[in-house]
Amino acid sequence: MAFNGTWKVDRNENYDKFMEQMGVHVMKRKLAEHDNLKITIQQTGDKFHIKESSTFRTKEIDFTLGVQFDYSLADGTEVAGAWEMEGDMMKGKFTRKDNNKVLTTTRTLVGGELVQTYNYEGVDAKRIFKNTQ
């Protein structure tokens, strides 16, 4: 599938402002900008296995498109939501458990790069990943 592979973060756009809007402490924001995040995606039909590894943690998760699941963000924020496919784009809509506010995330392939976008309370950010294979 198109998203299959191992993707390493290459650059960020507006990521610090996004994390600030999410309520992430300034020290955690500074560390997160240099987390060396690597995402391995394995898709089989509508089932996904994701492995995230960074300087700070390694986490694996399995999910099925359209099925809600719980997830802990790297800063400890708890969310619940689901991923859907909209054409060639994965779109995730997640609700924070602490304040019921919505975080939207998308994944698309643009020019051979994986572009992950975030929106939280009107603040947009991007993380761009390069395929390591």
C-alpha atoms as a PDB file:
ATOM      1  CA  MET A   1       0.000   0.000   0.000  1.00  0.00           C
ATOM      2  CA  ALA A   2       1.039   3.593  -0.554  1.00  0.00           C
ATOM      3  CA  PHE A   3       1.821   4.464   3.066  1.00  0.00           C
ATOM      4  CA  ASN A   4       3.838   1.301   3.754  1.00  0.00           C
ATOM      5  CA  GLY A   5       7.425   1.985   4.699  1.00  0.00           C
ATOM      6  CA  THR A   6       9.638   3.548   7.305  1.00  0.00           C
ATOM      7  CA  TRP A   7       9.449   7.317   7.446  1.00  0.00           C
ATOM      8  CA  LYS A   8      11.886   9.590   9.315  1.00  0.00           C
ATOM      9  CA  VAL A   9      10.961  13.179  10.186  1.00  0.00           C
ATOM     10  CA  ASP A  10      12.833  15.647   7.985  1.00  0.00           C
ATOM     11  CA  ARG A  11      11.326  19.016   8.883  1.00  0.00           C
ATOM     12  CA  ASN A  12       8.479  20.741  10.712  1.00  0.00           C
ATOM     13  CA  GLU A  13       6.277  23.716   9.896  1.00  0.00           C
ATOM     14  CA  ASN A  14       4.589  25.675  12.726  1.00  0.00           C
ATOM     15  CA  TYR A  15       5.018  22.671  15.026  1.00  0.00           C
ATOM     16  CA  ASP A  16       6.053  24.690  18.091  1.00  0.00           C
ATOM     17  CA  LYS A  17       2.982  26.951  17.818  1.00  0.00           C
ATOM     18  CA  PHE A  18       0.747  23.889  17.418  1.00  0.00           C
ATOM     19  CA  MET A  19       2.212  22.213  20.509  1.00  0.00           C
ATOM     20  CA  GLU A  20       1.812  25.464  22.447  1.00  0.00           C
ATOM     21  CA  GLN A  21      -1.880  25.527  21.474  1.00  0.00           C
ATOM     22  CA  MET A  22      -2.152  21.912  22.666  1.00  0.00           C
ATOM     23  CA  GLY A  23      -0.822  23.036  26.061  1.00  0.00           C
ATOM     24  CA  VAL A  24       2.579  21.341  25.827  1.00  0.00           C
ATOM     25  CA  HIS A  25       5.123  22.851  28.249  1.00  0.00           C
ATOM     26  CA  VAL A  26       7.917  24.911  26.654  1.00  0.00           C
ATOM     27  CA  MET A  27      10.687  22.436  27.618  1.00  0.00           C
ATOM     28  CA  LYS A  28       8.781  19.497  26.126  1.00  0.00           C
ATOM     29  CA  ARG A  29       8.165  21.554  22.966  1.00  0.00           C
ATOM     30  CA  LYS A  30      11.869  22.251  22.527  1.00  0.00           C
ATOM     31  CA  LEU A  31      12.704  18.574  22.983  1.00  0.00           C
ATOM     32  CA  ALA A  32       9.909  17.456  20.638  1.00  0.00           C
ATOM     33  CA  GLU A  33      11.269  19.530  17.773  1.00  0.00           C
ATOM     34  CA  HIS A  34      14.356  17.282  17.810  1.00  0.00           C
ATOM     35  CA  ASP A  35      12.726  13.938  18.611  1.00  0.00           C
ATOM     36  CA  ASN A  36      14.068  12.136  15.492  1.00  0.00           C
ATOM     37  CA  LEU A  37      10.647  10.523  15.060  1.00  0.00           C
ATOM     38  CA  LYS A  38      10.521   7.494  12.816  1.00  0.00           C
ATOM     39  CA  ILE A  39       7.187   5.961  11.798  1.00  0.00           C
ATOM     40  CA  THR A  40       6.904   2.493  10.295  1.00  0.00           C
ATOM     41  CA  ILE A  41       3.573   1.867   8.595  1.00  0.00           C
ATOM     42  CA  GLN A  42       2.314  -1.566   7.543  1.00  0.00           C
ATOM     43  CA  GLN A  43      -1.096  -1.673   5.892  1.00  0.00           C
ATOM     44  CA  THR A  44      -3.064  -4.789   5.046  1.00  0.00           C
ATOM     45  CA  GLY A  45      -6.442  -3.865   3.616  1.00  0.00           C
ATOM     46  CA  ASP A  46      -8.145  -1.638   6.181  1.00  0.00           C
ATOM     47  CA  LYS A  47      -5.860  -2.738   9.039  1.00  0.00           C
ATOM     48  CA  PHE A  48      -2.751  -0.803  10.042  1.00  0.00           C
ATOM     49  CA  HIS A  49       0.235  -1.582  12.253  1.00  0.00           C
ATOM     50  CA  ILE A  50       2.184   1.550  13.216  1.00  0.00           C
ATOM     51  CA  LYS A  51       5.476   1.657  15.069  1.00  0.00           C
ATOM     52  CA  GLU A  52       6.616   5.046  16.293  1.00  0.00           C
ATOM     53  CA  SER A  53      10.136   5.399  17.619  1.00  0.00           C
ATOM     54  CA  SER A  54      11.752   8.599  18.795  1.00  0.00           C
ATOM     55  CA  THR A  55      14.406   9.810  21.180  1.00  0.00           C
ATOM     56  CA  PHE A  56      11.822   9.579  23.959  1.00  0.00           C
ATOM     57  CA  ARG A  57       9.719   6.486  23.382  1.00  0.00           C
ATOM     58  CA  THR A  58       8.801   3.564  21.177  1.00  0.00           C
ATOM     59  CA  LYS A  59       5.132   2.749  20.736  1.00  0.00           C
ATOM     60  CA  GLU A  60       3.296   0.254  18.569  1.00  0.00           C
ATOM     61  CA  ILE A  61      -0.386   0.376  17.755  1.00  0.00           C
ATOM     62  CA  ASP A  62      -2.804  -1.581  15.609  1.00  0.00           C
ATOM     63  CA  PHE A  63      -6.030  -0.105  14.302  1.00  0.00           C
ATOM     64  CA  THR A  64      -8.687  -0.671  11.683  1.00  0.00           C
ATOM     65  CA  LEU A  65      -9.993   2.173   9.538  1.00  0.00           C
ATOM     66  CA  GLY A  66     -13.244   3.527  10.906  1.00  0.00           C
ATOM     67  CA  VAL A  67     -12.908   1.841  14.296  1.00  0.00           C
ATOM     68  CA  GLN A  68     -12.404   4.085  17.329  1.00  0.00           C
ATOM     69  CA  PHE A  69      -9.400   3.464  19.583  1.00  0.00           C
ATOM     70  CA  ASP A  70      -7.626   5.129  22.510  1.00  0.00           C
ATOM     71  CA  TYR A  71      -4.144   6.588  22.154  1.00  0.00           C
ATOM     72  CA  SER A  72      -1.620   8.492  24.296  1.00  0.00           C
ATOM     73  CA  LEU A  73       0.270  11.295  22.565  1.00  0.00           C
ATOM     74  CA  ALA A  74       3.986  11.625  23.288  1.00  0.00           C
ATOM     75  CA  ASP A  75       3.320  14.343  25.889  1.00  0.00           C
ATOM     76  CA  GLY A  76       0.878  12.072  27.745  1.00  0.00           C
ATOM     77  CA  THR A  77      -2.339  13.617  26.386  1.00  0.00           C
ATOM     78  CA  GLU A  78      -5.034  10.944  26.103  1.00  0.00           C
ATOM     79  CA  VAL A  79      -7.234  10.933  23.003  1.00  0.00           C
ATOM     80  CA  ALA A  80      -9.856   8.695  21.402  1.00  0.00           C
ATOM     81  CA  GLY A  81     -10.771   8.635  17.741  1.00  0.00           C
ATOM     82  CA  ALA A  82     -10.450   6.865  14.420  1.00  0.00           C
ATOM     83  CA  TRP A  83      -8.687   7.055  11.082  1.00  0.00           C
ATOM     84  CA  GLU A  84     -10.604   7.088   7.778  1.00  0.00           C
ATOM     85  CA  MET A  85      -9.477   7.113   4.155  1.00  0.00           C
ATOM     86  CA  GLU A  86     -10.590  10.070   2.047  1.00  0.00           C
ATOM     87  CA  GLY A  87      -9.283   9.298  -1.423  1.00  0.00           C
ATOM     88  CA  ASP A  88      -5.492   9.039  -1.101  1.00  0.00           C
ATOM     89  CA  MET A  89      -5.470  10.760   2.297  1.00  0.00           C
ATOM     90  CA  MET A  90      -5.700   9.237   5.756  1.00  0.00           C
ATOM     91  CA  LYS A  91      -7.708  11.472   8.073  1.00  0.00           C
ATOM     92  CA  GLY A  92      -7.799  11.029  11.816  1.00  0.00           C
ATOM     93  CA  LYS A  93     -10.244  12.781  14.097  1.00  0.00           C
ATOM     94  CA  PHE A  94      -9.378  12.489  17.783  1.00  0.00           C
ATOM     95  CA  THR A  95     -11.059  13.939  20.850  1.00  0.00           C
ATOM     96  CA  ARG A  96      -8.960  14.829  23.870  1.00  0.00           C
ATOM     97  CA  LYS A  97     -10.172  13.040  26.985  1.00  0.00           C
ATOM     98  CA  ASP A  98      -9.244  15.937  29.297  1.00  0.00           C
ATOM     99  CA  ASN A  99     -11.205  18.725  27.574  1.00  0.00           C
ATOM    100  CA  ASN A 100     -13.234  17.142  24.720  1.00  0.00           C
ATOM    101  CA  LYS A 101     -11.530  19.353  22.113  1.00  0.00           C
ATOM    102  CA  VAL A 102     -10.839  17.862  18.672  1.00  0.00           C
ATOM    103  CA  LEU A 103      -7.422  17.216  17.123  1.00  0.00           C
ATOM    104  CA  THR A 104      -7.471  16.476  13.396  1.00  0.00           C
ATOM    105  CA  THR A 105      -4.522  14.768  11.717  1.00  0.00           C
ATOM    106  CA  THR A 106      -3.999  13.850   8.079  1.00  0.00           C
ATOM    107  CA  ARG A 107      -1.392  11.799   6.261  1.00  0.00           C
ATOM    108  CA  THR A 108      -0.757  12.264   2.552  1.00  0.00           C
ATOM    109  CA  LEU A 109       2.045  11.446   0.147  1.00  0.00           C
ATOM    110  CA  VAL A 110       3.431  14.483  -1.665  1.00  0.00           C
ATOM    111  CA  GLY A 111       6.413  14.153  -3.990  1.00  0.00           C
ATOM    112  CA  GLY A 112       7.581  10.942  -2.318  1.00  0.00           C
ATOM    113  CA  GLU A 113       7.342  12.434   1.171  1.00  0.00           C
ATOM    114  CA  LEU A 114       4.838  11.614   3.901  1.00  0.00           C
ATOM    115  CA  VAL A 115       3.201  14.858   5.012  1.00  0.00           C
ATOM    116  CA  GLN A 116       1.437  14.696   8.353  1.00  0.00           C
ATOM    117  CA  THR A 117      -0.707  17.716   9.152  1.00  0.00           C
ATOM    118  CA  TYR A 118      -2.295  18.673  12.442  1.00  0.00           C
ATOM    119  CA  ASN A 119      -5.079  21.081  13.370  1.00  0.00           C
ATOM    120  CA  TYR A 120      -6.053  21.975  16.911  1.00  0.00           C
ATOM    121  CA  GLU A 121      -8.240  24.951  17.750  1.00  0.00           C
ATOM    122  CA  GLY A 122      -7.392  26.797  14.534  1.00  0.00           C
ATOM    123  CA  VAL A 123      -3.629  26.209  14.631  1.00  0.00           C
ATOM    124  CA  ASP A 124      -2.175  24.153  11.760  1.00  0.00           C
ATOM    125  CA  ALA A 125       1.192  22.421  11.648  1.00  0.00           C
ATOM    126  CA  LYS A 126       3.044  19.965   9.417  1.00  0.00           C
ATOM    127  CA  ARG A 127       5.682  17.323   9.896  1.00  0.00           C
ATOM    128  CA  ILE A 128       7.319  16.108   6.706  1.00  0.00           C
ATOM    129  CA  PHE A 129       8.896  12.638   6.602  1.00  0.00           C
ATOM    130  CA  LYS A 130      11.290  11.038   4.116  1.00  0.00           C
ATOM    131  CA  ASN A 131      11.193   7.334   3.299  1.00  0.00           C
ATOM    132  CA  THR A 132      14.277   5.593   4.690  1.00  0.00           C
ATOM    133  CA  GLN A 133      14.074   2.560   2.414  1.00  0.00           C
END
